Amino acid sequence: IPILLNDAILSAKMAEELLKENIYVISFSFPVVPQDKARIRCQISANHNKEQLDKALVAFEKVGKALGVIR
């Protein structure tokens, strides 16, 4: 699942901060994706349970707000 951030530095920082919350995502930026189309990629599996998904959502909200991605 790609989450478009369109900023390479922001994408890398978000991935770094999510890892501190024990959520592993990958940051992609140019030349892997087009210039100004940086993103993080999440992989969700049918093996993830509701508790794990809820934990990820809480982490995304916390980091997203701290970085100004979410208001």
C-alpha atoms as a PDB file:
ATOM      1  CA  ILE A   1       0.000   0.000   0.000  1.00  0.00           C
ATOM      2  CA  PRO A   2       1.736   3.204  -1.100  1.00  0.00           C
ATOM      3  CA  ILE A   3       1.317   6.356   0.953  1.00  0.00           C
ATOM      4  CA  LEU A   4       2.304   9.270  -1.249  1.00  0.00           C
ATOM      5  CA  LEU A   5       4.187  12.036   0.519  1.00  0.00           C
ATOM      6  CA  ASN A   6       5.807  13.624  -2.565  1.00  0.00           C
ATOM      7  CA  ASP A   7       8.853  14.708  -0.542  1.00  0.00           C
ATOM      8  CA  ALA A   8      11.936  12.494  -0.251  1.00  0.00           C
ATOM      9  CA  ILE A   9      13.133  13.920   3.061  1.00  0.00           C
ATOM     10  CA  LEU A  10       9.669  13.683   4.616  1.00  0.00           C
ATOM     11  CA  SER A  11       9.240  10.145   3.324  1.00  0.00           C
ATOM     12  CA  ALA A  12      12.547   9.014   4.824  1.00  0.00           C
ATOM     13  CA  LYS A  13      11.803  10.764   8.125  1.00  0.00           C
ATOM     14  CA  MET A  14       8.352   9.195   8.366  1.00  0.00           C
ATOM     15  CA  ALA A  15       9.778   5.724   7.760  1.00  0.00           C
ATOM     16  CA  GLU A  16      12.449   6.372  10.402  1.00  0.00           C
ATOM     17  CA  GLU A  17       9.927   7.593  12.975  1.00  0.00           C
ATOM     18  CA  LEU A  18       7.519   4.724  12.300  1.00  0.00           C
ATOM     19  CA  LEU A  19      10.345   2.258  12.866  1.00  0.00           C
ATOM     20  CA  LYS A  20      10.835   3.809  16.315  1.00  0.00           C
ATOM     21  CA  GLU A  21       7.174   2.868  16.895  1.00  0.00           C
ATOM     22  CA  ASN A  22       7.951  -0.707  15.733  1.00  0.00           C
ATOM     23  CA  ILE A  23       6.173  -0.230  12.415  1.00  0.00           C
ATOM     24  CA  TYR A  24       8.362  -1.201   9.464  1.00  0.00           C
ATOM     25  CA  VAL A  25       7.728   0.621   6.191  1.00  0.00           C
ATOM     26  CA  ILE A  26       9.999   1.355   3.253  1.00  0.00           C
ATOM     27  CA  SER A  27      10.673   4.832   1.879  1.00  0.00           C
ATOM     28  CA  PHE A  28      11.014   5.212  -1.887  1.00  0.00           C
ATOM     29  CA  SER A  29      12.225   8.301  -3.699  1.00  0.00           C
ATOM     30  CA  PHE A  30      13.941   9.271  -6.944  1.00  0.00           C
ATOM     31  CA  PRO A  31      15.302   7.446  -8.949  1.00  0.00           C
ATOM     32  CA  VAL A  32      13.144   4.490  -7.808  1.00  0.00           C
ATOM     33  CA  VAL A  33       9.986   6.566  -8.299  1.00  0.00           C
ATOM     34  CA  PRO A  34       9.547   9.769 -10.335  1.00  0.00           C
ATOM     35  CA  GLN A  35      10.947  13.035  -8.966  1.00  0.00           C
ATOM     36  CA  ASP A  36       8.592  14.578  -6.364  1.00  0.00           C
ATOM     37  CA  LYS A  37       6.606  11.326  -6.025  1.00  0.00           C
ATOM     38  CA  ALA A  38       8.301   9.996  -2.873  1.00  0.00           C
ATOM     39  CA  ARG A  39       6.295   7.569  -0.813  1.00  0.00           C
ATOM     40  CA  ILE A  40       6.388   4.994   1.900  1.00  0.00           C
ATOM     41  CA  ARG A  41       5.129   1.492   1.266  1.00  0.00           C
ATOM     42  CA  CYS A  42       3.276  -0.612   3.796  1.00  0.00           C
ATOM     43  CA  GLN A  43       2.622  -4.298   3.405  1.00  0.00           C
ATOM     44  CA  ILE A  44      -0.481  -5.636   5.072  1.00  0.00           C
ATOM     45  CA  SER A  45      -1.146  -9.346   5.209  1.00  0.00           C
ATOM     46  CA  ALA A  46      -4.176 -11.467   6.003  1.00  0.00           C
ATOM     47  CA  ASN A  47      -2.086 -12.720   8.928  1.00  0.00           C
ATOM     48  CA  HIS A  48      -2.179  -9.317  10.632  1.00  0.00           C
ATOM     49  CA  ASN A  49      -4.794  -9.272  13.368  1.00  0.00           C
ATOM     50  CA  LYS A  50      -6.983  -6.366  14.453  1.00  0.00           C
ATOM     51  CA  GLU A  51      -4.697  -5.550  17.388  1.00  0.00           C
ATOM     52  CA  GLN A  52      -1.675  -5.240  15.091  1.00  0.00           C
ATOM     53  CA  LEU A  53      -3.575  -3.088  12.600  1.00  0.00           C
ATOM     54  CA  ASP A  54      -4.857  -0.844  15.389  1.00  0.00           C
ATOM     55  CA  LYS A  55      -1.280  -0.447  16.669  1.00  0.00           C
ATOM     56  CA  ALA A  56      -0.167   0.584  13.188  1.00  0.00           C
ATOM     57  CA  LEU A  57      -2.982   3.124  12.876  1.00  0.00           C
ATOM     58  CA  VAL A  58      -2.085   4.685  16.227  1.00  0.00           C
ATOM     59  CA  ALA A  59       1.571   4.916  15.169  1.00  0.00           C
ATOM     60  CA  PHE A  60       0.670   6.453  11.801  1.00  0.00           C
ATOM     61  CA  GLU A  61      -1.511   9.033  13.509  1.00  0.00           C
ATOM     62  CA  LYS A  62       1.182   9.912  16.057  1.00  0.00           C
ATOM     63  CA  VAL A  63       3.994  10.213  13.529  1.00  0.00           C
ATOM     64  CA  GLY A  64       1.813  11.815  10.876  1.00  0.00           C
ATOM     65  CA  LYS A  65       0.721  14.562  13.257  1.00  0.00           C
ATOM     66  CA  ALA A  66       4.271  15.114  14.545  1.00  0.00           C
ATOM     67  CA  LEU A  67       5.541  15.558  10.985  1.00  0.00           C
ATOM     68  CA  GLY A  68       2.597  17.688   9.841  1.00  0.00           C
ATOM     69  CA  VAL A  69       1.288  15.084   7.413  1.00  0.00           C
ATOM     70  CA  ILE A  70      -1.955  14.780   9.404  1.00  0.00           C
ATOM     71  CA  ARG A  71      -3.672  17.723  11.040  1.00  0.00           C
END
